[in-house]
Amino acid sequence: QTALLNFSSLLLCILLFVCTCTYARATAPGLIDRNKEGFSGLFWKCSRIGERLSPYVALCCVAMGVKILIS
C-alpha cells in the first residue's frame, strides 16, 4: 500500500514536505523565493506554512513521532 492511499501516511508525507521546504528556504532562500507561481510555487507556499505555523507544525511532528513509536 502506498503512502498516498493510507491517510496517516499521507499526513506524514505532507508534514515532512512542509518541514523540508521550510528548511530549504532557511538554508537557501533564493532557491525557493524565485518561484512563487505555478507548480514550483507549491514549495514556496509550503515553506510559508512552515514558517508562520511553526508551533503547530512542531506539535504535529512530535505527535506523529509519538504515534510512530507507539505503533
PDB file of N, CA and C in Angstrom:
ATOM      1  N   GLN A   1       0.845  -1.172   0.000  1.00  0.00           N
ATOM      2  CA  GLN A   1       0.000   0.000   0.000  1.00  0.00           C
ATOM      3  C   GLN A   1       0.895   1.240   0.000  1.00  0.00           C
ATOM      4  N   THR A   2       0.612   2.162  -0.873  1.00  0.00           N
ATOM      5  CA  THR A   2       1.445   3.353  -0.967  1.00  0.00           C
ATOM      6  C   THR A   2       1.061   4.364   0.104  1.00  0.00           C
ATOM      7  N   ALA A   3       1.918   5.341   0.274  1.00  0.00           N
ATOM      8  CA  ALA A   3       1.694   6.362   1.300  1.00  0.00           C
ATOM      9  C   ALA A   3       0.512   7.262   0.954  1.00  0.00           C
ATOM     10  N   LEU A   4       0.159   7.352  -0.305  1.00  0.00           N
ATOM     11  CA  LEU A   4      -0.942   8.237  -0.688  1.00  0.00           C
ATOM     12  C   LEU A   4      -2.303   7.623  -0.418  1.00  0.00           C
ATOM     13  N   LEU A   5      -2.366   6.307  -0.260  1.00  0.00           N
ATOM     14  CA  LEU A   5      -3.647   5.655  -0.026  1.00  0.00           C
ATOM     15  C   LEU A   5      -3.948   5.482   1.459  1.00  0.00           C
ATOM     16  N   ASN A   6      -2.952   5.566   2.293  1.00  0.00           N
ATOM     17  CA  ASN A   6      -3.131   5.464   3.729  1.00  0.00           C
ATOM     18  C   ASN A   6      -3.163   6.881   4.306  1.00  0.00           C
ATOM     19  N   PHE A   7      -4.209   7.226   5.037  1.00  0.00           N
ATOM     20  CA  PHE A   7      -4.408   8.602   5.476  1.00  0.00           C
ATOM     21  C   PHE A   7      -3.305   9.078   6.413  1.00  0.00           C
ATOM     22  N   SER A   8      -2.912   8.256   7.378  1.00  0.00           N
ATOM     23  CA  SER A   8      -1.874   8.694   8.308  1.00  0.00           C
ATOM     24  C   SER A   8      -0.527   8.829   7.603  1.00  0.00           C
ATOM     25  N   SER A   9      -0.252   7.987   6.631  1.00  0.00           N
ATOM     26  CA  SER A   9       0.983   8.103   5.859  1.00  0.00           C
ATOM     27  C   SER A   9       0.951   9.336   4.961  1.00  0.00           C
ATOM     28  N   LEU A  10      -0.212   9.664   4.439  1.00  0.00           N
ATOM     29  CA  LEU A  10      -0.358  10.877   3.641  1.00  0.00           C
ATOM     30  C   LEU A  10      -0.091  12.118   4.493  1.00  0.00           C
ATOM     31  N   LEU A  11      -0.630  12.143   5.699  1.00  0.00           N
ATOM     32  CA  LEU A  11      -0.374  13.270   6.604  1.00  0.00           C
ATOM     33  C   LEU A  11       1.105  13.361   6.961  1.00  0.00           C
ATOM     34  N   LEU A  12       1.763  12.223   7.147  1.00  0.00           N
ATOM     35  CA  LEU A  12       3.189  12.223   7.442  1.00  0.00           C
ATOM     36  C   LEU A  12       3.990  12.771   6.264  1.00  0.00           C
ATOM     37  N   CYS A  13       3.634  12.386   5.046  1.00  0.00           N
ATOM     38  CA  CYS A  13       4.332  12.889   3.854  1.00  0.00           C
ATOM     39  C   CYS A  13       4.146  14.396   3.700  1.00  0.00           C
ATOM     40  N   ILE A  14       2.949  14.887   3.933  1.00  0.00           N
ATOM     41  CA  ILE A  14       2.689  16.333   3.845  1.00  0.00           C
ATOM     42  C   ILE A  14       3.471  17.075   4.916  1.00  0.00           C
ATOM     43  N   LEU A  15       3.498  16.546   6.119  1.00  0.00           N
ATOM     44  CA  LEU A  15       4.237  17.172   7.211  1.00  0.00           C
ATOM     45  C   LEU A  15       5.731  17.208   6.912  1.00  0.00           C
ATOM     46  N   LEU A  16       6.270  16.133   6.401  1.00  0.00           N
ATOM     47  CA  LEU A  16       7.690  16.104   6.047  1.00  0.00           C
ATOM     48  C   LEU A  16       7.997  17.042   4.888  1.00  0.00           C
ATOM     49  N   PHE A  17       7.067  17.172   3.943  1.00  0.00           N
ATOM     50  CA  PHE A  17       7.257  18.080   2.817  1.00  0.00           C
ATOM     51  C   PHE A  17       7.286  19.530   3.290  1.00  0.00           C
ATOM     52  N   VAL A  18       6.390  19.881   4.205  1.00  0.00           N
ATOM     53  CA  VAL A  18       6.360  21.243   4.757  1.00  0.00           C
ATOM     54  C   VAL A  18       7.650  21.529   5.521  1.00  0.00           C
ATOM     55  N   CYS A  19       8.101  20.579   6.330  1.00  0.00           N
ATOM     56  CA  CYS A  19       9.337  20.780   7.094  1.00  0.00           C
ATOM     57  C   CYS A  19      10.543  20.889   6.176  1.00  0.00           C
ATOM     58  N   THR A  20      10.590  20.092   5.116  1.00  0.00           N
ATOM     59  CA  THR A  20      11.704  20.134   4.184  1.00  0.00           C
ATOM     60  C   THR A  20      11.742  21.456   3.426  1.00  0.00           C
ATOM     61  N   CYS A  21      10.591  21.933   2.979  1.00  0.00           N
ATOM     62  CA  CYS A  21      10.544  23.214   2.270  1.00  0.00           C
ATOM     63  C   CYS A  21      10.942  24.367   3.174  1.00  0.00           C
ATOM     64  N   THR A  22      10.529  24.322   4.428  1.00  0.00           N
ATOM     65  CA  THR A  22      10.889  25.370   5.369  1.00  0.00           C
ATOM     66  C   THR A  22      12.394  25.370   5.631  1.00  0.00           C
ATOM     67  N   TYR A  23      12.973  24.193   5.777  1.00  0.00           N
ATOM     68  CA  TYR A  23      14.417  24.104   5.995  1.00  0.00           C
ATOM     69  C   TYR A  23      15.188  24.563   4.761  1.00  0.00           C
ATOM     70  N   ALA A  24      14.709  24.184   3.586  1.00  0.00           N
ATOM     71  CA  ALA A  24      15.388  24.594   2.349  1.00  0.00           C
ATOM     72  C   ALA A  24      15.333  26.108   2.179  1.00  0.00           C
ATOM     73  N   ARG A  25      14.227  26.734   2.543  1.00  0.00           N
ATOM     74  CA  ARG A  25      14.128  28.195   2.433  1.00  0.00           C
ATOM     75  C   ARG A  25      15.017  28.884   3.446  1.00  0.00           C
ATOM     76  N   ALA A  26      15.155  28.305   4.636  1.00  0.00           N
ATOM     77  CA  ALA A  26      16.039  28.896   5.638  1.00  0.00           C
ATOM     78  C   ALA A  26      17.501  28.758   5.232  1.00  0.00           C
ATOM     79  N   THR A  27      17.830  27.675   4.548  1.00  0.00           N
ATOM     80  CA  THR A  27      19.206  27.440   4.131  1.00  0.00           C
ATOM     81  C   THR A  27      19.567  28.225   2.879  1.00  0.00           C
ATOM     82  N   ALA A  28      18.697  28.161   1.869  1.00  0.00           N
ATOM     83  CA  ALA A  28      18.953  28.844   0.595  1.00  0.00           C
ATOM     84  C   ALA A  28      17.687  29.570   0.158  1.00  0.00           C
ATOM     85  N   PRO A  29      17.453  30.790   0.671  1.00  0.00           N
ATOM     86  CA  PRO A  29      16.197  31.479   0.369  1.00  0.00           C
ATOM     87  C   PRO A  29      16.005  31.806  -1.108  1.00  0.00           C
ATOM     88  N   GLY A  30      17.077  32.051  -1.825  1.00  0.00           N
ATOM     89  CA  GLY A  30      16.952  32.384  -3.244  1.00  0.00           C
ATOM     90  C   GLY A  30      16.421  31.231  -4.070  1.00  0.00           C
ATOM     91  N   LEU A  31      16.656  30.018  -3.619  1.00  0.00           N
ATOM     92  CA  LEU A  31      16.192  28.839  -4.335  1.00  0.00           C
ATOM     93  C   LEU A  31      14.668  28.716  -4.296  1.00  0.00           C
ATOM     94  N   ILE A  32      14.075  29.022  -3.171  1.00  0.00           N
ATOM     95  CA  ILE A  32      12.627  28.882  -3.002  1.00  0.00           C
ATOM     96  C   ILE A  32      11.896  30.159  -3.417  1.00  0.00           C
ATOM     97  N   ASP A  33      12.470  31.329  -3.124  1.00  0.00           N
ATOM     98  CA  ASP A  33      11.766  32.600  -3.325  1.00  0.00           C
ATOM     99  C   ASP A  33      11.613  33.002  -4.789  1.00  0.00           C
ATOM    100  N   ARG A  34      12.426  32.475  -5.669  1.00  0.00           N
ATOM    101  CA  ARG A  34      12.338  32.930  -7.065  1.00  0.00           C
ATOM    102  C   ARG A  34      11.121  32.377  -7.794  1.00  0.00           C
ATOM    103  N   ASN A  35      10.547  31.294  -7.307  1.00  0.00           N
ATOM    104  CA  ASN A  35       9.370  30.692  -7.948  1.00  0.00           C
ATOM    105  C   ASN A  35       8.184  30.769  -6.994  1.00  0.00           C
ATOM    106  N   LYS A  36       7.346  31.765  -7.180  1.00  0.00           N
ATOM    107  CA  LYS A  36       6.186  31.929  -6.299  1.00  0.00           C
ATOM    108  C   LYS A  36       4.875  31.584  -6.989  1.00  0.00           C
ATOM    109  N   GLU A  37       4.940  31.259  -8.271  1.00  0.00           N
ATOM    110  CA  GLU A  37       3.721  30.920  -9.017  1.00  0.00           C
ATOM    111  C   GLU A  37       3.932  29.609  -9.756  1.00  0.00           C
ATOM    112  N   GLY A  38       2.825  28.981 -10.099  1.00  0.00           N
ATOM    113  CA  GLY A  38       2.897  27.736 -10.837  1.00  0.00           C
ATOM    114  C   GLY A  38       3.164  26.550  -9.922  1.00  0.00           C
ATOM    115  N   PHE A  39       3.620  25.445 -10.522  1.00  0.00           N
ATOM    116  CA  PHE A  39       3.880  24.237  -9.738  1.00  0.00           C
ATOM    117  C   PHE A  39       5.024  24.441  -8.756  1.00  0.00           C
ATOM    118  N   SER A  40       6.037  25.189  -9.155  1.00  0.00           N
ATOM    119  CA  SER A  40       7.166  25.453  -8.259  1.00  0.00           C
ATOM    120  C   SER A  40       6.760  26.337  -7.085  1.00  0.00           C
ATOM    121  N   GLY A  41       5.659  27.046  -7.215  1.00  0.00           N
ATOM    122  CA  GLY A  41       5.150  27.868  -6.121  1.00  0.00           C
ATOM    123  C   GLY A  41       4.659  27.046  -4.951  1.00  0.00           C
ATOM    124  N   LEU A  42       4.420  25.764  -5.182  1.00  0.00           N
ATOM    125  CA  LEU A  42       3.994  24.876  -4.102  1.00  0.00           C
ATOM    126  C   LEU A  42       5.066  24.797  -3.018  1.00  0.00           C
ATOM    127  N   PHE A  43       6.336  24.794  -3.428  1.00  0.00           N
ATOM    128  CA  PHE A  43       7.425  24.761  -2.459  1.00  0.00           C
ATOM    129  C   PHE A  43       7.446  26.043  -1.621  1.00  0.00           C
ATOM    130  N   TRP A  44       7.218  27.195  -2.271  1.00  0.00           N
ATOM    131  CA  TRP A  44       7.189  28.470  -1.561  1.00  0.00           C
ATOM    132  C   TRP A  44       6.015  28.517  -0.587  1.00  0.00           C
ATOM    133  N   LYS A  45       4.860  28.044  -1.025  1.00  0.00           N
ATOM    134  CA  LYS A  45       3.681  28.055  -0.158  1.00  0.00           C
ATOM    135  C   LYS A  45       3.868  27.152   1.052  1.00  0.00           C
ATOM    136  N   CYS A  46       4.459  25.983   0.840  1.00  0.00           N
ATOM    137  CA  CYS A  46       4.702  25.078   1.965  1.00  0.00           C
ATOM    138  C   CYS A  46       5.738  25.655   2.925  1.00  0.00           C
ATOM    139  N   SER A  47       6.721  26.365   2.398  1.00  0.00           N
ATOM    140  CA  SER A  47       7.706  26.975   3.296  1.00  0.00           C
ATOM    141  C   SER A  47       7.066  28.086   4.118  1.00  0.00           C
ATOM    142  N   ARG A  48       6.144  28.835   3.536  1.00  0.00           N
ATOM    143  CA  ARG A  48       5.437  29.882   4.290  1.00  0.00           C
ATOM    144  C   ARG A  48       4.561  29.265   5.375  1.00  0.00           C
ATOM    145  N   ILE A  49       3.918  28.152   5.060  1.00  0.00           N
ATOM    146  CA  ILE A  49       3.110  27.458   6.075  1.00  0.00           C
ATOM    147  C   ILE A  49       3.996  27.028   7.226  1.00  0.00           C
ATOM    148  N   GLY A  50       5.163  26.475   6.914  1.00  0.00           N
ATOM    149  CA  GLY A  50       6.080  26.039   7.961  1.00  0.00           C
ATOM    150  C   GLY A  50       6.621  27.174   8.801  1.00  0.00           C
ATOM    151  N   GLU A  51       6.806  28.349   8.183  1.00  0.00           N
ATOM    152  CA  GLU A  51       7.314  29.494   8.935  1.00  0.00           C
ATOM    153  C   GLU A  51       6.244  30.113   9.824  1.00  0.00           C
ATOM    154  N   ARG A  52       5.078  30.310   9.280  1.00  0.00           N
ATOM    155  CA  ARG A  52       4.031  31.036  10.015  1.00  0.00           C
ATOM    156  C   ARG A  52       3.336  30.168  11.052  1.00  0.00           C
ATOM    157  N   LEU A  53       3.229  28.887  10.796  1.00  0.00           N
ATOM    158  CA  LEU A  53       2.556  27.985  11.727  1.00  0.00           C
ATOM    159  C   LEU A  53       3.556  27.057  12.413  1.00  0.00           C
ATOM    160  N   SER A  54       4.767  27.537  12.648  1.00  0.00           N
ATOM    161  CA  SER A  54       5.829  26.676  13.167  1.00  0.00           C
ATOM    162  C   SER A  54       5.495  26.003  14.506  1.00  0.00           C
ATOM    163  N   PRO A  55       4.819  26.644  15.462  1.00  0.00           N
ATOM    164  CA  PRO A  55       4.486  25.910  16.690  1.00  0.00           C
ATOM    165  C   PRO A  55       3.529  24.742  16.425  1.00  0.00           C
ATOM    166  N   TYR A  56       2.583  24.939  15.533  1.00  0.00           N
ATOM    167  CA  TYR A  56       1.632  23.873  15.223  1.00  0.00           C
ATOM    168  C   TYR A  56       2.288  22.758  14.412  1.00  0.00           C
ATOM    169  N   VAL A  57       3.185  23.131  13.506  1.00  0.00           N
ATOM    170  CA  VAL A  57       3.908  22.127  12.727  1.00  0.00           C
ATOM    171  C   VAL A  57       4.809  21.314  13.655  1.00  0.00           C
ATOM    172  N   ALA A  58       5.467  21.974  14.591  1.00  0.00           N
ATOM    173  CA  ALA A  58       6.321  21.266  15.546  1.00  0.00           C
ATOM    174  C   ALA A  58       5.499  20.334  16.430  1.00  0.00           C
ATOM    175  N   LEU A  59       4.339  20.787  16.843  1.00  0.00           N
ATOM    176  CA  LEU A  59       3.458  19.942  17.650  1.00  0.00           C
ATOM    177  C   LEU A  59       3.000  18.724  16.854  1.00  0.00           C
ATOM    178  N   CYS A  60       2.688  18.928  15.583  1.00  0.00           N
ATOM    179  CA  CYS A  60       2.296  17.804  14.727  1.00  0.00           C
ATOM    180  C   CYS A  60       3.451  16.831  14.524  1.00  0.00           C
ATOM    181  N   CYS A  61       4.679  17.351  14.412  1.00  0.00           N
ATOM    182  CA  CYS A  61       5.853  16.476  14.278  1.00  0.00           C
ATOM    183  C   CYS A  61       6.040  15.619  15.522  1.00  0.00           C
ATOM    184  N   VAL A  62       5.893  16.226  16.688  1.00  0.00           N
ATOM    185  CA  VAL A  62       6.024  15.486  17.936  1.00  0.00           C
ATOM    186  C   VAL A  62       4.921  14.436  18.053  1.00  0.00           C
ATOM    187  N   ALA A  63       3.694  14.823  17.725  1.00  0.00           N
ATOM    188  CA  ALA A  63       2.578  13.878  17.797  1.00  0.00           C
ATOM    189  C   ALA A  63       2.767  12.716  16.823  1.00  0.00           C
ATOM    190  N   MET A  64       3.249  13.001  15.626  1.00  0.00           N
ATOM    191  CA  MET A  64       3.472  11.951  14.650  1.00  0.00           C
ATOM    192  C   MET A  64       4.611  11.037  15.086  1.00  0.00           C
ATOM    193  N   GLY A  65       5.662  11.612  15.701  1.00  0.00           N
ATOM    194  CA  GLY A  65       6.757  10.802  16.208  1.00  0.00           C
ATOM    195  C   GLY A  65       6.316   9.882  17.328  1.00  0.00           C
ATOM    196  N   VAL A  66       5.492  10.386  18.240  1.00  0.00           N
ATOM    197  CA  VAL A  66       4.967   9.554  19.314  1.00  0.00           C
ATOM    198  C   VAL A  66       4.085   8.446  18.758  1.00  0.00           C
ATOM    199  N   LYS A  67       3.285   8.766  17.772  1.00  0.00           N
ATOM    200  CA  LYS A  67       2.403   7.764  17.158  1.00  0.00           C
ATOM    201  C   LYS A  67       3.221   6.652  16.498  1.00  0.00           C
ATOM    202  N   ILE A  68       4.315   7.033  15.832  1.00  0.00           N
ATOM    203  CA  ILE A  68       5.160   6.035  15.173  1.00  0.00           C
ATOM    204  C   ILE A  68       5.879   5.161  16.214  1.00  0.00           C
ATOM    205  N   LEU A  69       6.331   5.781  17.312  1.00  0.00           N
ATOM    206  CA  LEU A  69       6.999   5.000  18.355  1.00  0.00           C
ATOM    207  C   LEU A  69       6.060   4.029  19.056  1.00  0.00           C
ATOM    208  N   ILE A  70       4.812   4.440  19.228  1.00  0.00           N
ATOM    209  CA  ILE A  70       3.847   3.579  19.911  1.00  0.00           C
ATOM    210  C   ILE A  70       3.416   2.413  19.027  1.00  0.00           C
ATOM    211  N   SER A  71       3.231   2.668  17.735  1.00  0.00           N
ATOM    212  CA  SER A  71       2.744   1.586  16.859  1.00  0.00           C
ATOM    213  C   SER A  71       3.853   0.756  16.274  1.00  0.00           C
TER     214      SER A  71
END
